[in-house]
Amino acid sequence: MAEVVSKKFEFPGVLLGQDVKAKRDPRDLSFIYLAVAASLAAMLIVFGFVWSRLMVVNAGYEISRANSAREALLEQNKRLRLEYVRLKSPERIERMAAEMGYDNPRNGQIIVLR
């Protein structure tokens, strides 16, 4: 890898105390490879961050949908419990039995099982 080199030459009377810089060879492509690799790494980091943020937002939407579905199911459960209690009420069953022609049982019709 070619680098800019700063050297001080110690020749008596010539270039005393002056910096001499070596020029980079234009055919040396290691700098371009390093720049491309650094750019790709930066892009991967940015894409990873954006992807993780999108996953967090999607998870939030899924949680919101699940909470909405839960609320709907709880409401349906309340309605079904109310209907169950209404359907099994003794007054309703007696009224339906009377409509079908059934009467209350007499003394001889009840058999107790143990």
C-alpha atoms as a PDB file:
ATOM      1  CA  MET A   1       0.000   0.000   0.000  1.00  0.00           C
ATOM      2  CA  ALA A   2       1.505   3.280  -1.044  1.00  0.00           C
ATOM      3  CA  GLU A   3       1.408   6.011   1.504  1.00  0.00           C
ATOM      4  CA  VAL A   4       2.484   9.570   1.688  1.00  0.00           C
ATOM      5  CA  VAL A   5       5.753   9.380   3.512  1.00  0.00           C
ATOM      6  CA  SER A   6       7.243  12.279   5.341  1.00  0.00           C
ATOM      7  CA  LYS A   7      10.992  11.897   5.843  1.00  0.00           C
ATOM      8  CA  LYS A   8      13.767  14.166   6.890  1.00  0.00           C
ATOM      9  CA  PHE A   9      16.976  13.511   5.034  1.00  0.00           C
ATOM     10  CA  GLU A  10      20.206  14.084   6.910  1.00  0.00           C
ATOM     11  CA  PHE A  11      22.525  15.181   4.112  1.00  0.00           C
ATOM     12  CA  PRO A  12      24.940  17.850   5.192  1.00  0.00           C
ATOM     13  CA  GLY A  13      24.022  21.128   3.599  1.00  0.00           C
ATOM     14  CA  VAL A  14      21.282  19.736   1.374  1.00  0.00           C
ATOM     15  CA  LEU A  15      17.578  19.804   2.279  1.00  0.00           C
ATOM     16  CA  LEU A  16      18.450  20.263   5.889  1.00  0.00           C
ATOM     17  CA  GLY A  17      15.325  20.148   8.019  1.00  0.00           C
ATOM     18  CA  GLN A  18      12.943  20.078   5.059  1.00  0.00           C
ATOM     19  CA  ASP A  19      10.170  17.534   4.541  1.00  0.00           C
ATOM     20  CA  VAL A  20      10.323  15.413   1.412  1.00  0.00           C
ATOM     21  CA  LYS A  21       7.076  13.736   0.363  1.00  0.00           C
ATOM     22  CA  ALA A  22       7.013  10.698  -1.887  1.00  0.00           C
ATOM     23  CA  LYS A  23       4.239  10.719  -4.507  1.00  0.00           C
ATOM     24  CA  ARG A  24       1.746   7.895  -4.619  1.00  0.00           C
ATOM     25  CA  ASP A  25       2.040   5.602  -7.610  1.00  0.00           C
ATOM     26  CA  PRO A  26      -1.074   6.149  -9.806  1.00  0.00           C
ATOM     27  CA  ARG A  27      -1.059   2.467 -10.796  1.00  0.00           C
ATOM     28  CA  ASP A  28      -1.425   1.404  -7.172  1.00  0.00           C
ATOM     29  CA  LEU A  29      -5.161   0.685  -6.727  1.00  0.00           C
ATOM     30  CA  SER A  30      -5.040  -0.327  -3.066  1.00  0.00           C
ATOM     31  CA  PHE A  31      -6.443   3.066  -2.053  1.00  0.00           C
ATOM     32  CA  ILE A  32      -9.482   2.536  -4.302  1.00  0.00           C
ATOM     33  CA  TYR A  33     -10.015  -0.963  -2.917  1.00  0.00           C
ATOM     34  CA  LEU A  34      -9.834   0.391   0.619  1.00  0.00           C
ATOM     35  CA  ALA A  35     -12.294   3.196  -0.210  1.00  0.00           C
ATOM     36  CA  VAL A  36     -14.748   0.751  -1.825  1.00  0.00           C
ATOM     37  CA  ALA A  37     -14.480  -1.638   1.116  1.00  0.00           C
ATOM     38  CA  ALA A  38     -15.061   1.193   3.603  1.00  0.00           C
ATOM     39  CA  SER A  39     -18.047   2.442   1.568  1.00  0.00           C
ATOM     40  CA  LEU A  40     -19.570  -1.045   1.439  1.00  0.00           C
ATOM     41  CA  ALA A  41     -19.078  -1.468   5.172  1.00  0.00           C
ATOM     42  CA  ALA A  42     -20.762   1.885   5.834  1.00  0.00           C
ATOM     43  CA  MET A  43     -23.661   0.993   3.528  1.00  0.00           C
ATOM     44  CA  LEU A  44     -24.115  -2.371   5.248  1.00  0.00           C
ATOM     45  CA  ILE A  45     -24.223  -0.670   8.627  1.00  0.00           C
ATOM     46  CA  VAL A  46     -26.790   1.866   7.392  1.00  0.00           C
ATOM     47  CA  PHE A  47     -28.924  -0.853   5.763  1.00  0.00           C
ATOM     48  CA  GLY A  48     -28.725  -2.935   8.941  1.00  0.00           C
ATOM     49  CA  PHE A  49     -29.903   0.009  11.014  1.00  0.00           C
ATOM     50  CA  VAL A  50     -32.771   0.801   8.635  1.00  0.00           C
ATOM     51  CA  TRP A  51     -33.790  -2.871   8.521  1.00  0.00           C
ATOM     52  CA  SER A  52     -33.815  -3.102  12.318  1.00  0.00           C
ATOM     53  CA  ARG A  53     -35.973   0.040  12.574  1.00  0.00           C
ATOM     54  CA  LEU A  54     -38.414  -1.377  10.002  1.00  0.00           C
ATOM     55  CA  MET A  55     -38.658  -4.610  11.991  1.00  0.00           C
ATOM     56  CA  VAL A  56     -39.428  -2.626  15.162  1.00  0.00           C
ATOM     57  CA  VAL A  57     -42.166  -0.651  13.371  1.00  0.00           C
ATOM     58  CA  ASN A  58     -43.657  -3.849  11.891  1.00  0.00           C
ATOM     59  CA  ALA A  59     -43.607  -5.498  15.313  1.00  0.00           C
ATOM     60  CA  GLY A  60     -45.459  -2.477  16.703  1.00  0.00           C
ATOM     61  CA  TYR A  61     -48.131  -2.813  14.022  1.00  0.00           C
ATOM     62  CA  GLU A  62     -48.487  -6.537  14.741  1.00  0.00           C
ATOM     63  CA  ILE A  63     -48.872  -5.826  18.463  1.00  0.00           C
ATOM     64  CA  SER A  64     -51.520  -3.224  17.695  1.00  0.00           C
ATOM     65  CA  ARG A  65     -53.440  -5.666  15.480  1.00  0.00           C
ATOM     66  CA  ALA A  66     -53.201  -8.368  18.143  1.00  0.00           C
ATOM     67  CA  ASN A  67     -54.519  -5.992  20.804  1.00  0.00           C
ATOM     68  CA  SER A  68     -57.432  -5.011  18.559  1.00  0.00           C
ATOM     69  CA  ALA A  69     -58.252  -8.669  17.913  1.00  0.00           C
ATOM     70  CA  ARG A  70     -58.020  -9.376  21.650  1.00  0.00           C
ATOM     71  CA  GLU A  71     -60.443  -6.562  22.451  1.00  0.00           C
ATOM     72  CA  ALA A  72     -62.897  -7.866  19.818  1.00  0.00           C
ATOM     73  CA  LEU A  73     -62.670 -11.388  21.249  1.00  0.00           C
ATOM     74  CA  LEU A  74     -63.228 -10.129  24.797  1.00  0.00           C
ATOM     75  CA  GLU A  75     -66.314  -8.224  23.639  1.00  0.00           C
ATOM     76  CA  GLN A  76     -67.618 -11.313  21.823  1.00  0.00           C
ATOM     77  CA  ASN A  77     -66.955 -13.398  24.947  1.00  0.00           C
ATOM     78  CA  LYS A  78     -69.020 -10.978  27.054  1.00  0.00           C
ATOM     79  CA  ARG A  79     -71.919 -11.141  24.589  1.00  0.00           C
ATOM     80  CA  LEU A  80     -71.805 -14.947  24.457  1.00  0.00           C
ATOM     81  CA  ARG A  81     -71.758 -15.221  28.262  1.00  0.00           C
ATOM     82  CA  LEU A  82     -74.764 -12.923  28.478  1.00  0.00           C
ATOM     83  CA  GLU A  83     -76.608 -14.984  25.858  1.00  0.00           C
ATOM     84  CA  TYR A  84     -75.691 -18.205  27.693  1.00  0.00           C
ATOM     85  CA  VAL A  85     -77.092 -16.876  30.959  1.00  0.00           C
ATOM     86  CA  ARG A  86     -80.252 -15.687  29.192  1.00  0.00           C
ATOM     87  CA  LEU A  87     -80.761 -19.034  27.405  1.00  0.00           C
ATOM     88  CA  LYS A  88     -80.354 -21.180  30.515  1.00  0.00           C
ATOM     89  CA  SER A  89     -82.605 -19.081  32.765  1.00  0.00           C
ATOM     90  CA  PRO A  90     -85.312 -21.208  34.435  1.00  0.00           C
ATOM     91  CA  GLU A  91     -88.060 -18.730  33.544  1.00  0.00           C
ATOM     92  CA  ARG A  92     -87.310 -19.065  29.851  1.00  0.00           C
ATOM     93  CA  ILE A  93     -87.169 -22.865  30.033  1.00  0.00           C
ATOM     94  CA  GLU A  94     -90.524 -23.004  31.879  1.00  0.00           C
ATOM     95  CA  ARG A  95     -92.102 -20.659  29.332  1.00  0.00           C
ATOM     96  CA  MET A  96     -90.832 -22.789  26.409  1.00  0.00           C
ATOM     97  CA  ALA A  97     -92.050 -25.984  28.128  1.00  0.00           C
ATOM     98  CA  ALA A  98     -95.495 -24.447  28.633  1.00  0.00           C
ATOM     99  CA  GLU A  99     -95.621 -23.465  24.948  1.00  0.00           C
ATOM    100  CA  MET A 100     -94.854 -27.068  23.985  1.00  0.00           C
ATOM    101  CA  GLY A 101     -97.561 -28.412  26.274  1.00  0.00           C
ATOM    102  CA  TYR A 102     -95.462 -29.701  29.163  1.00  0.00           C
ATOM    103  CA  ASP A 103     -96.702 -29.290  32.763  1.00  0.00           C
ATOM    104  CA  ASN A 104     -94.945 -29.401  36.094  1.00  0.00           C
ATOM    105  CA  PRO A 105     -94.343 -32.998  37.235  1.00  0.00           C
ATOM    106  CA  ARG A 106     -96.770 -34.565  39.715  1.00  0.00           C
ATOM    107  CA  ASN A 107     -95.794 -36.532  42.821  1.00  0.00           C
ATOM    108  CA  GLY A 108     -95.669 -39.936  41.153  1.00  0.00           C
ATOM    109  CA  GLN A 109     -93.630 -38.756  38.172  1.00  0.00           C
ATOM    110  CA  ILE A 110     -90.428 -37.825  40.066  1.00  0.00           C
ATOM    111  CA  ILE A 111     -87.919 -40.608  40.691  1.00  0.00           C
ATOM    112  CA  VAL A 112     -84.902 -39.843  42.901  1.00  0.00           C
ATOM    113  CA  LEU A 113     -81.702 -41.659  41.952  1.00  0.00           C
ATOM    114  CA  ARG A 114     -78.861 -42.158  44.356  1.00  0.00           C
END
